[in-house]
N, C-alpha and C. Protein backbone atom coordinates (compact mmCIF):
# COMPACT_ATOMS: atom_id res chain seq x y z
N MET A 1 0.84 -1.17 0.00
CA MET A 1 0.00 0.00 0.00
C MET A 1 0.89 1.24 0.00
N LYS A 2 0.61 2.16 -0.85
CA LYS A 2 1.37 3.40 -0.94
C LYS A 2 0.73 4.46 -0.05
N ALA A 3 1.55 5.35 0.48
CA ALA A 3 1.05 6.45 1.29
C ALA A 3 0.28 7.42 0.41
N THR A 4 -0.81 7.98 0.96
CA THR A 4 -1.63 8.92 0.19
C THR A 4 -1.35 10.37 0.57
N SER A 5 -0.51 10.58 1.59
CA SER A 5 -0.16 11.94 1.99
C SER A 5 1.22 11.95 2.63
N LYS A 6 1.78 13.15 2.76
CA LYS A 6 3.08 13.29 3.41
C LYS A 6 3.00 12.88 4.88
N ALA A 7 1.91 13.24 5.54
CA ALA A 7 1.74 12.90 6.95
C ALA A 7 1.70 11.38 7.14
N GLN A 8 1.01 10.68 6.25
CA GLN A 8 0.92 9.23 6.34
C GLN A 8 2.29 8.59 6.11
N GLN A 9 3.04 9.13 5.17
CA GLN A 9 4.37 8.61 4.87
C GLN A 9 5.31 8.80 6.06
N LYS A 10 5.23 9.96 6.71
CA LYS A 10 6.07 10.23 7.87
C LYS A 10 5.70 9.33 9.05
N ALA A 11 4.40 9.11 9.26
CA ALA A 11 3.94 8.24 10.34
C ALA A 11 4.43 6.80 10.11
N ALA A 12 4.39 6.36 8.87
CA ALA A 12 4.87 5.02 8.54
C ALA A 12 6.37 4.91 8.81
N GLY A 13 7.11 5.96 8.49
CA GLY A 13 8.55 5.97 8.76
C GLY A 13 8.86 5.89 10.24
N ALA A 14 8.08 6.58 11.06
CA ALA A 14 8.27 6.53 12.51
C ALA A 14 7.96 5.14 13.05
N ALA A 15 6.87 4.54 12.57
CA ALA A 15 6.50 3.20 13.01
C ALA A 15 7.54 2.17 12.57
N LEU A 16 8.06 2.33 11.37
CA LEU A 16 9.09 1.43 10.87
C LEU A 16 10.35 1.53 11.72
N SER A 17 10.72 2.72 12.11
CA SER A 17 11.87 2.92 12.97
C SER A 17 11.71 2.18 14.30
N ALA A 18 10.51 2.22 14.85
CA ALA A 18 10.25 1.51 16.11
C ALA A 18 10.27 -0.01 15.90
N LYS A 19 9.72 -0.48 14.78
CA LYS A 19 9.73 -1.92 14.48
C LYS A 19 11.16 -2.44 14.39
N ARG A 20 12.06 -1.62 13.86
CA ARG A 20 13.45 -2.02 13.69
C ARG A 20 14.27 -1.83 14.96
N GLY A 21 13.68 -1.26 16.00
CA GLY A 21 14.38 -1.06 17.26
C GLY A 21 15.23 0.18 17.30
N GLU A 22 15.06 1.07 16.34
CA GLU A 22 15.86 2.30 16.28
C GLU A 22 15.30 3.37 17.22
N THR A 23 14.00 3.32 17.48
CA THR A 23 13.36 4.21 18.44
C THR A 23 12.46 3.37 19.34
N LYS A 24 12.05 3.93 20.45
CA LYS A 24 11.18 3.21 21.38
C LYS A 24 9.73 3.34 20.94
N PRO A 25 8.96 2.25 21.00
CA PRO A 25 7.53 2.33 20.66
C PRO A 25 6.78 3.33 21.53
N SER A 26 7.24 3.56 22.74
CA SER A 26 6.58 4.51 23.63
C SER A 26 6.72 5.96 23.15
N GLU A 27 7.62 6.21 22.21
CA GLU A 27 7.82 7.55 21.67
C GLU A 27 6.89 7.85 20.49
N LEU A 28 6.10 6.86 20.06
CA LEU A 28 5.20 7.03 18.93
C LEU A 28 3.92 7.72 19.36
N TYR A 29 3.29 8.42 18.41
CA TYR A 29 2.03 9.11 18.65
C TYR A 29 0.97 8.62 17.67
N ASP A 30 -0.25 8.68 18.07
CA ASP A 30 -1.46 8.46 17.29
C ASP A 30 -1.31 7.49 16.12
N SER A 31 -1.27 8.01 14.90
CA SER A 31 -1.28 7.17 13.70
C SER A 31 -0.09 6.23 13.64
N SER A 32 1.09 6.73 13.99
CA SER A 32 2.27 5.87 13.92
C SER A 32 2.17 4.75 14.95
N LYS A 33 1.57 5.00 16.10
CA LYS A 33 1.38 3.96 17.11
C LYS A 33 0.41 2.90 16.59
N ASP A 34 -0.66 3.33 15.93
CA ASP A 34 -1.62 2.39 15.34
C ASP A 34 -0.96 1.55 14.25
N MET A 35 -0.16 2.20 13.40
CA MET A 35 0.53 1.48 12.34
C MET A 35 1.52 0.47 12.90
N TYR A 36 2.22 0.85 13.95
CA TYR A 36 3.20 -0.03 14.59
C TYR A 36 2.55 -1.34 15.02
N GLY A 37 1.35 -1.23 15.59
CA GLY A 37 0.67 -2.42 16.10
C GLY A 37 -0.04 -3.24 15.05
N SER A 38 -0.42 -2.63 13.94
CA SER A 38 -1.27 -3.34 12.99
C SER A 38 -0.61 -3.71 11.66
N MET A 39 0.59 -3.21 11.40
CA MET A 39 1.23 -3.46 10.11
C MET A 39 2.56 -4.19 10.28
N SER A 40 2.91 -4.99 9.27
CA SER A 40 4.19 -5.68 9.29
C SER A 40 5.31 -4.73 8.88
N GLU A 41 6.53 -5.14 9.12
CA GLU A 41 7.68 -4.32 8.74
C GLU A 41 7.71 -4.10 7.22
N GLU A 42 7.33 -5.12 6.46
CA GLU A 42 7.33 -5.01 5.00
C GLU A 42 6.29 -3.99 4.54
N GLU A 43 5.10 -4.01 5.14
CA GLU A 43 4.06 -3.04 4.78
C GLU A 43 4.49 -1.62 5.12
N LEU A 44 5.09 -1.46 6.30
CA LEU A 44 5.55 -0.14 6.70
C LEU A 44 6.66 0.37 5.79
N GLU A 45 7.55 -0.53 5.40
CA GLU A 45 8.64 -0.14 4.51
C GLU A 45 8.11 0.35 3.17
N GLU A 46 7.12 -0.35 2.64
CA GLU A 46 6.52 0.06 1.36
C GLU A 46 5.86 1.43 1.49
N MET A 47 5.13 1.65 2.58
CA MET A 47 4.44 2.93 2.76
C MET A 47 5.43 4.05 3.02
N ALA A 48 6.45 3.80 3.80
CA ALA A 48 7.44 4.82 4.13
C ALA A 48 8.30 5.19 2.93
N SER A 49 8.45 4.29 1.99
CA SER A 49 9.31 4.56 0.83
C SER A 49 8.59 5.31 -0.29
N THR A 50 7.31 5.58 -0.12
CA THR A 50 6.54 6.34 -1.12
C THR A 50 7.14 7.73 -1.30
N GLN A 51 7.26 8.17 -2.53
CA GLN A 51 7.77 9.51 -2.83
C GLN A 51 6.81 10.56 -2.28
N ARG A 52 7.34 11.60 -1.68
CA ARG A 52 6.50 12.67 -1.13
C ARG A 52 6.11 13.70 -2.18
N LYS A 53 6.89 13.82 -3.22
CA LYS A 53 6.64 14.84 -4.23
C LYS A 53 5.24 14.65 -4.82
N GLY A 54 4.46 15.73 -4.83
CA GLY A 54 3.13 15.70 -5.40
C GLY A 54 2.04 15.23 -4.45
N LYS A 55 2.41 14.83 -3.25
CA LYS A 55 1.42 14.37 -2.27
C LYS A 55 0.93 15.55 -1.45
N PRO A 56 -0.35 15.55 -1.05
CA PRO A 56 -0.83 16.60 -0.16
C PRO A 56 -0.24 16.41 1.23
N GLN A 57 -0.21 17.47 2.03
CA GLN A 57 0.31 17.37 3.39
C GLN A 57 -0.54 16.39 4.21
N LYS A 58 -1.86 16.53 4.10
CA LYS A 58 -2.78 15.63 4.78
C LYS A 58 -3.76 15.07 3.78
N ARG A 59 -4.26 13.88 4.08
CA ARG A 59 -5.22 13.25 3.20
C ARG A 59 -6.56 13.96 3.27
N ALA A 60 -7.20 14.14 2.13
CA ALA A 60 -8.52 14.76 2.09
C ALA A 60 -9.54 13.83 2.73
N ASN A 61 -10.49 14.39 3.46
CA ASN A 61 -11.55 13.59 4.07
C ASN A 61 -12.43 13.00 3.01
N ASP A 62 -12.70 11.72 3.13
CA ASP A 62 -13.54 11.03 2.13
C ASP A 62 -14.99 11.06 2.55
């Protein structure tokens, strides 16, 4: 799954960092904490690697 916004991409990067043991899971907030618990390292890596260029800062409400 690709990130749909810059904020989502950054949250995935933070969660991925915690999954890899580079940061503490207790330092995560909101979306990144949810992603940490519900997504695999591979899923987070794919989302975090999405290019930011052309993405909105936040996802539009559907």
